[in-house]
Amino acid sequence: MASAPSSTPSAARDTAGVHLPDTARDLVKILVAGPFGVGKTTLIDSVSEIRPLHTEEHISEASAEVDDLAGVRDKSTTTVAIDFGRLSLPGGVVLYLFGTPGQERFRALWDDIAHGALGALVLVDSRRIDASFDVLGLVEESGLPYAVAFNEFPDAPRHHGVERLRRALDLEAATPMVTCDARDAHSSIDALLALVDHLMARDAVEAR
């Protein structure tokens, strides 16, 4: 398994610039998906070695009537197109991270954003697991391999067992399922590495 970079990406942005490292060999497009308010923007912020691109707007009274704010009442902005960041891993692998909007009304953007992606990291909030079903359905319909990461919110219940969560999401046994803190770079990188390892294992099986 590849190990996480030794320095925190967000701490190195001022010196890293926007240029690819000379060691870059494999450029991989990854989706960071999940329902509204699950932490996709936060995760990309925490790991990106370049200044992330965000397309956020303040939540208006009109959108509040359309979007389900249950469990995320303190959220004041929402992604309306994509979030974008970049993360270089050991071995010359560079991840291009595309955060997708989590609301049903942005579903029409999905095919365009997902085009060319090799996999998806699906963030889930254990306080509102049912909010993830539509996004998981989109990922599965697209045929993208994926890993699931439960973003550990401070008030999230701690009594859920691993198998109970897997059953609740109806995940296949081979689908990686991890926990992470989207605010923490190392924790978020570990979640992305779980996806990368899954993709590499699939490629190895298909190459036999």
C-alpha atoms as a PDB file:
ATOM      1  CA  MET A   1       0.000   0.000   0.000  1.00  0.00           C
ATOM      2  CA  ALA A   2       1.184   3.499  -0.765  1.00  0.00           C
ATOM      3  CA  SER A   3       1.866   5.590   2.294  1.00  0.00           C
ATOM      4  CA  ALA A   4       0.520   9.069   2.915  1.00  0.00           C
ATOM      5  CA  PRO A   5       2.776  12.028   2.102  1.00  0.00           C
ATOM      6  CA  SER A   6       4.881  13.102   5.053  1.00  0.00           C
ATOM      7  CA  SER A   7       3.704  16.722   5.021  1.00  0.00           C
ATOM      8  CA  THR A   8       0.166  18.062   5.184  1.00  0.00           C
ATOM      9  CA  PRO A   9      -0.866  19.210   1.663  1.00  0.00           C
ATOM     10  CA  SER A  10      -2.675  22.322   2.879  1.00  0.00           C
ATOM     11  CA  ALA A  11       0.468  23.450   4.714  1.00  0.00           C
ATOM     12  CA  ALA A  12       2.563  23.173   1.561  1.00  0.00           C
ATOM     13  CA  ARG A  13       0.324  25.044  -0.900  1.00  0.00           C
ATOM     14  CA  ASP A  14       2.281  28.264  -0.811  1.00  0.00           C
ATOM     15  CA  THR A  15       5.464  26.523  -1.951  1.00  0.00           C
ATOM     16  CA  ALA A  16       4.056  23.736  -4.130  1.00  0.00           C
ATOM     17  CA  GLY A  17       2.721  25.982  -6.885  1.00  0.00           C
ATOM     18  CA  VAL A  18       0.458  24.596  -9.582  1.00  0.00           C
ATOM     19  CA  HIS A  19       2.957  22.544 -11.587  1.00  0.00           C
ATOM     20  CA  LEU A  20       2.934  18.777 -11.568  1.00  0.00           C
ATOM     21  CA  PRO A  21       5.838  17.150  -9.742  1.00  0.00           C
ATOM     22  CA  ASP A  22       8.581  15.763 -11.981  1.00  0.00           C
ATOM     23  CA  THR A  23       7.820  12.271 -10.657  1.00  0.00           C
ATOM     24  CA  ALA A  24       4.225  12.311 -11.947  1.00  0.00           C
ATOM     25  CA  ARG A  25       3.550   9.138 -13.918  1.00  0.00           C
ATOM     26  CA  ASP A  26      -0.114   8.129 -13.551  1.00  0.00           C
ATOM     27  CA  LEU A  27      -2.746  10.875 -13.613  1.00  0.00           C
ATOM     28  CA  VAL A  28      -5.999   9.611 -12.133  1.00  0.00           C
ATOM     29  CA  LYS A  29      -9.388  11.316 -12.048  1.00  0.00           C
ATOM     30  CA  ILE A  30     -11.312  10.533  -8.850  1.00  0.00           C
ATOM     31  CA  LEU A  31     -14.802  11.643  -7.853  1.00  0.00           C
ATOM     32  CA  VAL A  32     -15.530  12.672  -4.293  1.00  0.00           C
ATOM     33  CA  ALA A  33     -19.256  12.037  -4.045  1.00  0.00           C
ATOM     34  CA  GLY A  34     -21.906  12.074  -1.364  1.00  0.00           C
ATOM     35  CA  PRO A  35     -25.097  13.795  -0.279  1.00  0.00           C
ATOM     36  CA  PHE A  36     -25.517  17.465   0.500  1.00  0.00           C
ATOM     37  CA  GLY A  37     -23.507  18.611   3.527  1.00  0.00           C
ATOM     38  CA  VAL A  38     -21.489  15.414   3.992  1.00  0.00           C
ATOM     39  CA  GLY A  39     -18.040  17.044   3.828  1.00  0.00           C
ATOM     40  CA  LYS A  40     -16.851  16.721   0.226  1.00  0.00           C
ATOM     41  CA  THR A  41     -15.593  20.305   0.011  1.00  0.00           C
ATOM     42  CA  THR A  42     -13.920  19.964   3.403  1.00  0.00           C
ATOM     43  CA  LEU A  43     -12.108  16.764   2.395  1.00  0.00           C
ATOM     44  CA  ILE A  44     -10.764  18.250  -0.836  1.00  0.00           C
ATOM     45  CA  ASP A  45      -9.686  21.362   1.073  1.00  0.00           C
ATOM     46  CA  SER A  46      -7.785  19.246   3.577  1.00  0.00           C
ATOM     47  CA  VAL A  47      -5.776  17.161   1.081  1.00  0.00           C
ATOM     48  CA  SER A  48      -5.215  19.359  -1.964  1.00  0.00           C
ATOM     49  CA  GLU A  49      -1.610  20.384  -2.621  1.00  0.00           C
ATOM     50  CA  ILE A  50      -2.814  23.254  -4.803  1.00  0.00           C
ATOM     51  CA  ARG A  51      -5.296  25.934  -3.875  1.00  0.00           C
ATOM     52  CA  PRO A  52      -8.638  24.166  -4.387  1.00  0.00           C
ATOM     53  CA  LEU A  53     -11.218  25.411  -6.848  1.00  0.00           C
ATOM     54  CA  HIS A  54     -14.703  25.791  -5.389  1.00  0.00           C
ATOM     55  CA  THR A  55     -18.000  26.754  -6.997  1.00  0.00           C
ATOM     56  CA  GLU A  56     -19.954  27.501  -3.848  1.00  0.00           C
ATOM     57  CA  GLU A  57     -22.919  29.780  -3.376  1.00  0.00           C
ATOM     58  CA  HIS A  58     -24.755  30.852  -0.256  1.00  0.00           C
ATOM     59  CA  ILE A  59     -27.889  28.872   0.472  1.00  0.00           C
ATOM     60  CA  SER A  60     -30.870  31.059  -0.322  1.00  0.00           C
ATOM     61  CA  GLU A  61     -34.393  30.825   1.033  1.00  0.00           C
ATOM     62  CA  ALA A  62     -35.455  29.368  -2.323  1.00  0.00           C
ATOM     63  CA  SER A  63     -32.836  26.612  -2.303  1.00  0.00           C
ATOM     64  CA  ALA A  64     -33.523  25.848   1.360  1.00  0.00           C
ATOM     65  CA  GLU A  65     -37.063  24.959   0.338  1.00  0.00           C
ATOM     66  CA  VAL A  66     -35.724  22.535  -2.310  1.00  0.00           C
ATOM     67  CA  ASP A  67     -32.733  20.964  -0.555  1.00  0.00           C
ATOM     68  CA  ASP A  68     -33.076  18.751   2.492  1.00  0.00           C
ATOM     69  CA  LEU A  69     -31.301  20.574   5.337  1.00  0.00           C
ATOM     70  CA  ALA A  70     -32.094  17.929   7.942  1.00  0.00           C
ATOM     71  CA  GLY A  71     -28.946  17.337   9.975  1.00  0.00           C
ATOM     72  CA  VAL A  72     -27.031  20.202   8.320  1.00  0.00           C
ATOM     73  CA  ARG A  73     -28.923  23.276   9.554  1.00  0.00           C
ATOM     74  CA  ASP A  74     -25.679  25.162  10.226  1.00  0.00           C
ATOM     75  CA  LYS A  75     -24.513  24.859   6.601  1.00  0.00           C
ATOM     76  CA  SER A  76     -24.554  28.245   4.843  1.00  0.00           C
ATOM     77  CA  THR A  77     -23.058  27.426   1.413  1.00  0.00           C
ATOM     78  CA  THR A  78     -23.415  24.685  -1.166  1.00  0.00           C
ATOM     79  CA  THR A  79     -21.430  23.453  -4.174  1.00  0.00           C
ATOM     80  CA  VAL A  80     -23.278  24.224  -7.410  1.00  0.00           C
ATOM     81  CA  ALA A  81     -20.857  22.758  -9.971  1.00  0.00           C
ATOM     82  CA  ILE A  82     -17.639  21.119  -8.749  1.00  0.00           C
ATOM     83  CA  ASP A  83     -14.871  21.270  -6.213  1.00  0.00           C
ATOM     84  CA  PHE A  84     -11.419  20.516  -7.591  1.00  0.00           C
ATOM     85  CA  GLY A  85      -8.118  19.650  -5.969  1.00  0.00           C
ATOM     86  CA  ARG A  86      -4.934  17.677  -6.638  1.00  0.00           C
ATOM     87  CA  LEU A  87      -2.964  15.232  -4.532  1.00  0.00           C
ATOM     88  CA  SER A  88       0.370  13.584  -5.426  1.00  0.00           C
ATOM     89  CA  LEU A  89       1.005  10.151  -3.942  1.00  0.00           C
ATOM     90  CA  PRO A  90       4.261   8.175  -3.721  1.00  0.00           C
ATOM     91  CA  GLY A  91       5.110   6.194  -6.847  1.00  0.00           C
ATOM     92  CA  GLY A  92       4.186   8.950  -9.294  1.00  0.00           C
ATOM     93  CA  VAL A  93       0.410   8.659  -8.860  1.00  0.00           C
ATOM     94  CA  VAL A  94      -1.404  11.997  -9.012  1.00  0.00           C
ATOM     95  CA  LEU A  95      -5.070  12.194  -8.056  1.00  0.00           C
ATOM     96  CA  TYR A  96      -7.284  14.828  -9.613  1.00  0.00           C
ATOM     97  CA  LEU A  97     -10.178  15.169  -7.187  1.00  0.00           C
ATOM     98  CA  PHE A  98     -13.578  16.298  -8.444  1.00  0.00           C
ATOM     99  CA  GLY A  99     -16.207  16.978  -5.789  1.00  0.00           C
ATOM    100  CA  THR A 100     -19.740  16.557  -7.088  1.00  0.00           C
ATOM    101  CA  PRO A 101     -22.865  18.441  -5.980  1.00  0.00           C
ATOM    102  CA  GLY A 102     -24.932  16.336  -3.614  1.00  0.00           C
ATOM    103  CA  GLN A 103     -28.433  17.528  -4.441  1.00  0.00           C
ATOM    104  CA  GLU A 104     -30.858  15.772  -6.785  1.00  0.00           C
ATOM    105  CA  ARG A 105     -31.403  19.004  -8.736  1.00  0.00           C
ATOM    106  CA  PHE A 106     -27.784  18.831  -9.997  1.00  0.00           C
ATOM    107  CA  ARG A 107     -28.146  15.262 -11.278  1.00  0.00           C
ATOM    108  CA  ALA A 108     -27.866  16.453 -14.904  1.00  0.00           C
ATOM    109  CA  LEU A 109     -24.222  17.393 -14.240  1.00  0.00           C
ATOM    110  CA  TRP A 110     -23.300  13.882 -13.132  1.00  0.00           C
ATOM    111  CA  ASP A 111     -22.449  12.348 -16.524  1.00  0.00           C
ATOM    112  CA  ASP A 112     -20.214  15.284 -17.463  1.00  0.00           C
ATOM    113  CA  ILE A 113     -18.363  15.299 -14.142  1.00  0.00           C
ATOM    114  CA  ALA A 114     -18.008  11.500 -14.032  1.00  0.00           C
ATOM    115  CA  HIS A 115     -16.634  11.223 -17.589  1.00  0.00           C
ATOM    116  CA  GLY A 116     -13.117   9.798 -17.500  1.00  0.00           C
ATOM    117  CA  ALA A 117     -13.112   9.051 -13.770  1.00  0.00           C
ATOM    118  CA  LEU A 118     -11.532   5.777 -12.639  1.00  0.00           C
ATOM    119  CA  GLY A 119     -13.310   5.570  -9.302  1.00  0.00           C
ATOM    120  CA  ALA A 120     -15.222   7.377  -6.588  1.00  0.00           C
ATOM    121  CA  LEU A 121     -14.863   7.965  -2.875  1.00  0.00           C
ATOM    122  CA  VAL A 122     -18.402   8.170  -1.497  1.00  0.00           C
ATOM    123  CA  LEU A 123     -18.685  10.090   1.769  1.00  0.00           C
ATOM    124  CA  VAL A 124     -21.484   9.029   4.121  1.00  0.00           C
ATOM    125  CA  ASP A 125     -22.907  10.675   7.243  1.00  0.00           C
ATOM    126  CA  SER A 126     -23.918   7.991   9.745  1.00  0.00           C
ATOM    127  CA  ARG A 127     -26.508  10.380  11.226  1.00  0.00           C
ATOM    128  CA  ARG A 128     -28.477  10.258   7.956  1.00  0.00           C
ATOM    129  CA  ILE A 129     -27.477   7.130   6.077  1.00  0.00           C
ATOM    130  CA  ASP A 130     -30.581   7.180   3.886  1.00  0.00           C
ATOM    131  CA  ALA A 131     -29.377  10.469   2.333  1.00  0.00           C
ATOM    132  CA  SER A 132     -26.593   8.492   0.613  1.00  0.00           C
ATOM    133  CA  PHE A 133     -28.773   6.036  -1.308  1.00  0.00           C
ATOM    134  CA  ASP A 134     -29.323   8.224  -4.373  1.00  0.00           C
ATOM    135  CA  VAL A 135     -25.614   9.033  -4.738  1.00  0.00           C
ATOM    136  CA  LEU A 136     -24.623   5.375  -4.323  1.00  0.00           C
ATOM    137  CA  GLY A 137     -27.184   4.516  -6.981  1.00  0.00           C
ATOM    138  CA  LEU A 138     -25.638   7.027  -9.390  1.00  0.00           C
ATOM    139  CA  VAL A 139     -22.135   5.676  -8.778  1.00  0.00           C
ATOM    140  CA  GLU A 140     -23.253   2.089  -9.291  1.00  0.00           C
ATOM    141  CA  GLU A 141     -25.244   2.954 -12.435  1.00  0.00           C
ATOM    142  CA  SER A 142     -22.129   4.583 -13.876  1.00  0.00           C
ATOM    143  CA  GLY A 143     -20.136   1.380 -13.295  1.00  0.00           C
ATOM    144  CA  LEU A 144     -17.469   3.192 -11.295  1.00  0.00           C
ATOM    145  CA  PRO A 145     -15.642   1.182  -8.637  1.00  0.00           C
ATOM    146  CA  TYR A 146     -15.871   2.969  -5.318  1.00  0.00           C
ATOM    147  CA  ALA A 147     -15.002   3.018  -1.643  1.00  0.00           C
ATOM    148  CA  VAL A 148     -17.212   4.308   1.152  1.00  0.00           C
ATOM    149  CA  ALA A 149     -15.896   6.611   3.880  1.00  0.00           C
ATOM    150  CA  PHE A 150     -17.975   7.515   6.923  1.00  0.00           C
ATOM    151  CA  ASN A 151     -17.167  11.113   7.811  1.00  0.00           C
ATOM    152  CA  GLU A 152     -16.983  11.220  11.609  1.00  0.00           C
ATOM    153  CA  PHE A 153     -19.036  14.203  12.700  1.00  0.00           C
ATOM    154  CA  PRO A 154     -18.685  15.112  16.394  1.00  0.00           C
ATOM    155  CA  ASP A 155     -22.320  14.256  17.176  1.00  0.00           C
ATOM    156  CA  ALA A 156     -22.458  11.100  15.035  1.00  0.00           C
ATOM    157  CA  PRO A 157     -23.624   7.938  16.844  1.00  0.00           C
ATOM    158  CA  ARG A 158     -20.745   5.663  17.877  1.00  0.00           C
ATOM    159  CA  HIS A 159     -22.742   2.468  18.406  1.00  0.00           C
ATOM    160  CA  HIS A 160     -22.986   1.401  14.768  1.00  0.00           C
ATOM    161  CA  GLY A 161     -21.090  -1.808  14.036  1.00  0.00           C
ATOM    162  CA  VAL A 162     -19.145  -2.220  10.801  1.00  0.00           C
ATOM    163  CA  GLU A 163     -21.351  -5.002   9.488  1.00  0.00           C
ATOM    164  CA  ARG A 164     -24.509  -3.133  10.450  1.00  0.00           C
ATOM    165  CA  LEU A 165     -23.358  -0.116   8.441  1.00  0.00           C
ATOM    166  CA  ARG A 166     -22.411  -2.315   5.495  1.00  0.00           C
ATOM    167  CA  ARG A 167     -25.843  -3.929   5.531  1.00  0.00           C
ATOM    168  CA  ALA A 168     -27.564  -0.564   5.852  1.00  0.00           C
ATOM    169  CA  LEU A 169     -25.890   0.585   2.629  1.00  0.00           C
ATOM    170  CA  ASP A 170     -26.248  -2.829   0.962  1.00  0.00           C
ATOM    171  CA  LEU A 171     -22.545  -2.866   0.074  1.00  0.00           C
ATOM    172  CA  GLU A 172     -20.819  -5.798  -1.563  1.00  0.00           C
ATOM    173  CA  ALA A 173     -18.211  -7.556   0.551  1.00  0.00           C
ATOM    174  CA  ALA A 174     -15.403  -6.355  -1.730  1.00  0.00           C
ATOM    175  CA  THR A 175     -16.337  -2.664  -1.423  1.00  0.00           C
ATOM    176  CA  PRO A 176     -13.896  -0.914   0.937  1.00  0.00           C
ATOM    177  CA  MET A 177     -15.549   0.833   3.890  1.00  0.00           C
ATOM    178  CA  VAL A 178     -13.542   3.117   6.182  1.00  0.00           C
ATOM    179  CA  THR A 179     -14.042   6.019   8.576  1.00  0.00           C
ATOM    180  CA  CYS A 180     -12.387   9.402   8.237  1.00  0.00           C
ATOM    181  CA  ASP A 181     -12.382  12.942   9.518  1.00  0.00           C
ATOM    182  CA  ALA A 182     -12.711  15.112   6.416  1.00  0.00           C
ATOM    183  CA  ARG A 183     -11.071  18.000   8.272  1.00  0.00           C
ATOM    184  CA  ASP A 184      -7.884  16.041   8.825  1.00  0.00           C
ATOM    185  CA  ALA A 185      -5.500  15.640   5.866  1.00  0.00           C
ATOM    186  CA  HIS A 186      -3.946  12.357   6.970  1.00  0.00           C
ATOM    187  CA  SER A 187      -7.304  10.778   7.758  1.00  0.00           C
ATOM    188  CA  SER A 188      -8.725  11.908   4.409  1.00  0.00           C
ATOM    189  CA  ILE A 189      -5.655  10.670   2.525  1.00  0.00           C
ATOM    190  CA  ASP A 190      -6.042   7.268   4.178  1.00  0.00           C
ATOM    191  CA  ALA A 191      -9.604   7.118   2.848  1.00  0.00           C
ATOM    192  CA  LEU A 192      -8.409   7.992  -0.657  1.00  0.00           C
ATOM    193  CA  LEU A 193      -5.661   5.364  -0.385  1.00  0.00           C
ATOM    194  CA  ALA A 194      -8.307   2.752   0.427  1.00  0.00           C
ATOM    195  CA  LEU A 195      -9.936   3.609  -2.896  1.00  0.00           C
ATOM    196  CA  VAL A 196      -6.616   3.602  -4.785  1.00  0.00           C
ATOM    197  CA  ASP A 197      -5.712   0.187  -3.346  1.00  0.00           C
ATOM    198  CA  HIS A 198      -9.143  -1.086  -4.409  1.00  0.00           C
ATOM    199  CA  LEU A 199      -8.630   0.183  -7.962  1.00  0.00           C
ATOM    200  CA  MET A 200      -5.159  -1.380  -8.155  1.00  0.00           C
ATOM    201  CA  ALA A 201      -6.479  -4.727  -6.886  1.00  0.00           C
ATOM    202  CA  ARG A 202      -9.242  -4.697  -9.501  1.00  0.00           C
ATOM    203  CA  ASP A 203      -6.717  -3.927 -12.247  1.00  0.00           C
ATOM    204  CA  ALA A 204      -4.509  -6.793 -11.080  1.00  0.00           C
ATOM    205  CA  VAL A 205      -7.426  -9.234 -11.203  1.00  0.00           C
ATOM    206  CA  GLU A 206      -8.546  -8.047 -14.652  1.00  0.00           C
ATOM    207  CA  ALA A 207      -4.966  -8.326 -15.973  1.00  0.00           C
ATOM    208  CA  ARG A 208      -4.722 -12.034 -15.138  1.00  0.00           C
END
